[in-house]
Amino acid sequence: MKHRIFAALAACAIVVGSAAAASAQSSRLTPTLTVTGAGSVTHAPDRATVSFRIETTNDQAAAATSANAAIANALTTHLAPLNIPQSAISTSGYALNYNPRPVRPDPASTQRYGYTVERTIDVVVDKVDGAGAVVDAGVAAGVTNVNGIAFSLRDRRAAMLGAQTAALADAVAQARNLAAAAHVRIVRILAISPSGGNGPVPLFRASPRLMTAAVPTTIDPGNLTVDASVVVQYEIAPEHP
């Protein structure tokens, strides 16, 4: 019985000793170097989304909705010669609101009374040089506003991968430079945390009242810049062990 007790105590001592050694080892922090690399790639956009707003007002809700639908149908008709598939035309917003007429309306007010229908239609084209023709089709159909044109990339993931590669190369260059300046050496990479977001998107805004069908609308989309950043943590050690 005594031998068993001594054996148990010895085992406990070994476990406690091992735990203490592990704790002491973990308490010695590993020297690290953390850098943030930045990278970007620039591409010409290959997709454009044209946003239209159709607004109609009438004292009768049915008349307001009918007039709105008529303009929406006219827009589809005017887009047909441009060979834009129906799947590229979508209604992204629709609302019917009632604004009662006051007993004594202000004659100088431009406020509309009655039922107002607001519809937003987005048209996606995969040829950015055709965006101007889409705008002209909307104006010819009688849309109330051209909300804007947003340019984008069909394969944004490929552009993001390119930006991340550039960001990592920047992080590596920074780490090597800092390590040399601090007279330490890089042992290994401990962690890589990528992040990123799209750069500014060129935006075109227009009002149908400012355009005429006699002069076709032309739009210069410019270029899109996709940015990315990468945080890299390295383990470092003295330059001369």
Protein backbone atom coordinates (compact mmCIF):
# COMPACT_ATOMS: atom_id res chain seq x y z
CA MET A 1 0.00 0.00 0.00
CA LYS A 2 2.86 2.36 0.93
CA HIS A 3 4.57 1.66 -2.41
CA ARG A 4 1.37 2.60 -4.28
CA ILE A 5 1.10 5.89 -2.37
CA PHE A 6 4.71 6.80 -3.10
CA ALA A 7 4.22 5.95 -6.80
CA ALA A 8 1.13 8.14 -6.99
CA LEU A 9 2.95 11.04 -5.32
CA ALA A 10 5.86 10.67 -7.72
CA ALA A 11 3.51 10.73 -10.71
CA CYS A 12 1.86 13.89 -9.38
CA ALA A 13 5.24 15.51 -8.94
CA ILE A 14 6.17 14.75 -12.55
CA VAL A 15 2.87 16.21 -13.84
CA VAL A 16 3.24 19.35 -11.72
CA GLY A 17 6.84 19.75 -12.80
CA SER A 18 5.93 19.40 -16.48
CA ALA A 19 3.11 21.93 -16.16
CA ALA A 20 5.41 24.40 -14.45
CA ALA A 21 8.02 24.01 -17.19
CA ALA A 22 5.40 24.54 -19.90
CA SER A 23 4.10 27.62 -18.12
CA ALA A 24 7.60 29.06 -17.83
CA GLN A 25 8.25 28.38 -21.49
CA SER A 26 5.01 30.04 -22.62
CA SER A 27 5.74 33.04 -20.44
CA ARG A 28 8.76 33.78 -22.61
CA LEU A 29 7.09 35.65 -25.47
CA THR A 30 8.27 34.94 -28.99
CA PRO A 31 9.69 38.11 -30.59
CA THR A 32 7.54 39.10 -33.54
CA LEU A 33 7.41 41.63 -36.34
CA THR A 34 4.04 42.65 -37.80
CA VAL A 35 3.69 44.56 -41.06
CA THR A 36 0.76 45.66 -43.20
CA GLY A 37 1.25 45.47 -46.95
CA ALA A 38 -0.86 47.37 -49.46
CA GLY A 39 -1.42 46.60 -53.11
CA SER A 40 -3.69 47.61 -55.95
CA VAL A 41 -4.48 46.74 -59.54
CA THR A 42 -6.16 48.90 -62.16
CA HIS A 43 -8.52 47.57 -64.80
CA ALA A 44 -10.87 49.05 -67.35
CA PRO A 45 -14.47 48.23 -66.29
CA ASP A 46 -16.30 45.66 -68.37
CA ARG A 47 -19.77 46.02 -66.86
CA ALA A 48 -22.11 48.98 -66.36
CA THR A 49 -25.34 49.24 -64.40
CA VAL A 50 -27.67 52.05 -65.42
CA SER A 51 -30.30 53.02 -62.85
CA PHE A 52 -33.56 54.71 -63.87
CA ARG A 53 -36.33 56.23 -61.75
CA ILE A 54 -39.91 56.45 -62.95
CA GLU A 55 -42.26 58.68 -60.95
CA THR A 56 -45.96 59.20 -61.71
CA THR A 57 -48.65 61.04 -59.73
CA ASN A 58 -52.42 61.00 -60.00
CA ASP A 59 -55.46 61.56 -57.80
CA GLN A 60 -56.37 57.92 -58.41
CA ALA A 61 -54.02 55.16 -57.33
CA ALA A 62 -54.92 52.96 -60.31
CA ALA A 63 -54.16 55.75 -62.75
CA ALA A 64 -50.79 56.46 -61.11
CA THR A 65 -49.74 52.81 -61.19
CA SER A 66 -50.99 52.39 -64.76
CA ALA A 67 -49.04 55.40 -66.00
CA ASN A 68 -45.93 54.15 -64.24
CA ALA A 69 -46.26 50.70 -65.78
CA ALA A 70 -46.71 52.26 -69.23
CA ILE A 71 -43.36 54.05 -68.97
CA ALA A 72 -41.68 50.89 -67.66
CA ASN A 73 -43.05 48.94 -70.62
CA ALA A 74 -41.87 51.69 -72.98
CA LEU A 75 -38.40 51.40 -71.48
CA THR A 76 -38.34 47.67 -72.20
CA THR A 77 -39.45 48.37 -75.78
CA HIS A 78 -36.73 50.96 -76.35
CA LEU A 79 -34.09 48.62 -74.91
CA ALA A 80 -35.05 45.74 -77.20
CA PRO A 81 -33.02 46.94 -80.24
CA LEU A 82 -29.92 47.02 -78.01
CA ASN A 83 -30.09 43.21 -77.59
CA ILE A 84 -30.17 43.44 -73.80
CA PRO A 85 -31.59 40.23 -72.30
CA GLN A 86 -34.64 40.46 -70.09
CA SER A 87 -32.63 38.99 -67.23
CA ALA A 88 -30.44 42.11 -67.26
CA ILE A 89 -33.41 44.38 -66.55
CA SER A 90 -34.72 44.36 -62.99
CA THR A 91 -36.94 46.43 -60.72
CA SER A 92 -34.89 47.24 -57.62
CA GLY A 93 -37.46 49.48 -55.95
CA TYR A 94 -41.20 50.17 -56.04
CA ALA A 95 -43.37 52.32 -53.78
CA LEU A 96 -46.87 53.81 -53.76
CA ASN A 97 -47.45 56.77 -51.44
CA TYR A 98 -50.39 59.08 -50.81
CA ASN A 99 -49.96 62.78 -50.08
CA PRO A 100 -53.33 64.41 -49.31
CA ARG A 101 -54.00 67.84 -50.73
CA PRO A 102 -54.25 70.49 -47.97
CA VAL A 103 -57.33 72.69 -47.65
CA ARG A 104 -55.30 75.71 -48.67
CA PRO A 105 -52.31 74.57 -50.74
CA ASP A 106 -49.44 76.98 -51.24
CA PRO A 107 -49.59 78.25 -54.84
CA ALA A 108 -45.81 78.60 -54.90
CA SER A 109 -45.20 75.07 -53.69
CA THR A 110 -43.97 72.41 -56.10
CA GLN A 111 -45.29 69.66 -53.84
CA ARG A 112 -47.28 66.95 -55.62
CA TYR A 113 -50.52 65.74 -54.11
CA GLY A 114 -52.37 62.51 -54.58
CA TYR A 115 -50.93 59.07 -55.22
CA THR A 116 -47.27 58.92 -56.26
CA VAL A 117 -45.66 55.79 -57.63
CA GLU A 118 -41.87 55.54 -57.65
CA ARG A 119 -40.14 52.72 -59.49
CA THR A 120 -36.39 52.09 -59.83
CA ILE A 121 -35.18 49.97 -62.74
CA ASP A 122 -31.60 48.76 -63.13
CA VAL A 123 -30.19 47.75 -66.49
CA VAL A 124 -26.92 45.79 -66.62
CA VAL A 125 -24.82 45.87 -69.77
CA ASP A 126 -21.61 43.91 -70.30
CA LYS A 127 -20.31 46.40 -72.86
CA VAL A 128 -19.58 49.69 -71.15
CA ASP A 129 -19.50 51.56 -74.45
CA GLY A 130 -23.20 50.73 -74.77
CA ALA A 131 -24.16 52.50 -71.54
CA GLY A 132 -24.83 55.77 -73.38
CA ALA A 133 -27.31 54.06 -75.69
CA VAL A 134 -29.11 52.64 -72.63
CA VAL A 135 -29.38 56.15 -71.19
CA ASP A 136 -30.83 57.44 -74.46
CA ALA A 137 -33.35 54.58 -74.49
CA GLY A 138 -34.52 55.58 -71.01
CA VAL A 139 -34.88 59.22 -71.98
CA ALA A 140 -36.86 58.25 -75.09
CA ALA A 141 -39.13 56.06 -72.94
CA GLY A 142 -39.93 58.98 -70.64
CA VAL A 143 -38.16 58.03 -67.42
CA THR A 144 -38.13 60.70 -64.73
CA ASN A 145 -34.46 60.44 -63.80
CA VAL A 146 -31.25 58.66 -64.66
CA ASN A 147 -30.05 57.96 -61.11
CA GLY A 148 -26.56 57.09 -62.23
CA ILE A 149 -24.26 54.60 -63.88
CA ALA A 150 -22.08 52.31 -61.78
CA PHE A 151 -19.13 50.63 -63.47
CA SER A 152 -17.74 47.33 -62.22
CA LEU A 153 -15.76 44.22 -63.14
CA ARG A 154 -17.40 40.95 -64.11
CA ASP A 155 -14.54 38.99 -62.54
CA ARG A 156 -13.77 41.09 -59.50
CA ARG A 157 -12.30 38.08 -57.69
CA ALA A 158 -9.42 37.81 -60.19
CA ALA A 159 -8.66 41.50 -59.69
CA MET A 160 -8.78 41.07 -55.91
CA LEU A 161 -6.32 38.16 -56.08
CA GLY A 162 -3.94 40.32 -58.08
CA ALA A 163 -4.23 43.14 -55.53
CA GLN A 164 -3.61 40.72 -52.66
CA THR A 165 -0.52 39.33 -54.39
CA ALA A 166 0.82 42.87 -54.73
CA ALA A 167 -0.03 43.56 -51.08
CA LEU A 168 1.83 40.46 -49.89
CA ALA A 169 4.88 41.41 -51.93
CA ASP A 170 4.78 44.83 -50.27
CA ALA A 171 4.55 43.23 -46.82
CA VAL A 172 7.53 40.98 -47.54
CA ALA A 173 9.60 43.93 -48.73
CA GLN A 174 8.69 45.93 -45.61
CA ALA A 175 9.55 43.03 -43.29
CA ARG A 176 12.95 42.47 -44.89
CA ASN A 177 13.79 46.16 -44.72
CA LEU A 178 12.73 46.49 -41.08
CA ALA A 179 14.54 43.30 -40.07
CA ALA A 180 17.74 44.52 -41.67
CA ALA A 181 17.43 47.93 -39.99
CA ALA A 182 16.79 46.32 -36.60
CA HIS A 183 19.61 43.77 -37.06
CA VAL A 184 17.31 40.78 -36.61
CA ARG A 185 16.49 37.87 -38.86
CA ILE A 186 13.13 36.56 -39.97
CA VAL A 187 12.49 33.01 -38.78
CA ARG A 188 9.09 32.19 -40.20
CA ILE A 189 5.60 33.51 -40.90
CA LEU A 190 3.22 33.11 -37.98
CA ALA A 191 0.02 34.50 -39.51
CA ILE A 192 -1.35 36.16 -42.66
CA SER A 193 -4.59 38.12 -42.53
CA PRO A 194 -5.82 39.41 -45.91
CA SER A 195 -8.39 42.14 -46.32
CA GLY A 196 -9.42 44.51 -49.04
CA GLY A 197 -12.12 46.54 -50.70
CA ASN A 198 -12.95 47.97 -54.07
CA GLY A 199 -11.72 51.38 -54.98
CA PRO A 200 -13.90 54.31 -56.05
CA VAL A 201 -16.38 53.56 -58.83
CA PRO A 202 -16.79 56.22 -61.54
CA LEU A 203 -20.36 57.47 -61.46
CA PHE A 204 -22.30 59.34 -64.10
CA ARG A 205 -25.42 61.29 -63.15
CA ALA A 206 -27.80 62.88 -65.57
CA SER A 207 -31.29 64.30 -65.89
CA PRO A 208 -33.45 63.68 -68.97
CA ARG A 209 -34.23 67.38 -69.09
CA LEU A 210 -30.57 68.05 -69.87
CA MET A 211 -30.32 65.64 -72.81
CA THR A 212 -31.81 65.53 -76.27
CA ALA A 213 -32.22 62.58 -78.59
CA ALA A 214 -30.41 64.48 -81.38
CA VAL A 215 -27.01 64.04 -79.70
CA PRO A 216 -26.23 60.46 -78.55
CA THR A 217 -24.97 60.18 -75.01
CA THR A 218 -21.32 59.18 -74.70
CA ILE A 219 -19.72 58.17 -71.41
CA ASP A 220 -16.07 57.72 -70.49
CA PRO A 221 -15.95 55.22 -67.62
CA GLY A 222 -12.25 55.64 -66.81
CA ASN A 223 -10.52 52.87 -64.88
CA LEU A 224 -11.34 50.97 -61.71
CA THR A 225 -8.79 50.43 -58.96
CA VAL A 226 -9.12 47.41 -56.68
CA ASP A 227 -7.24 47.77 -53.39
CA ALA A 228 -6.18 45.10 -50.91
CA SER A 229 -4.18 44.95 -47.71
CA VAL A 230 -2.44 42.05 -45.97
CA VAL A 231 -1.29 41.90 -42.36
CA VAL A 232 1.66 39.51 -41.91
CA GLN A 233 3.17 38.52 -38.58
CA TYR A 234 6.69 37.10 -38.52
CA GLU A 235 8.71 35.40 -35.84
CA ILE A 236 12.09 37.08 -35.52
CA ALA A 237 15.36 36.24 -33.76
CA PRO A 238 18.72 37.94 -33.14
CA GLU A 239 20.75 38.40 -36.30
CA HIS A 240 23.67 36.42 -34.82
CA PRO A 241 22.47 33.52 -32.61
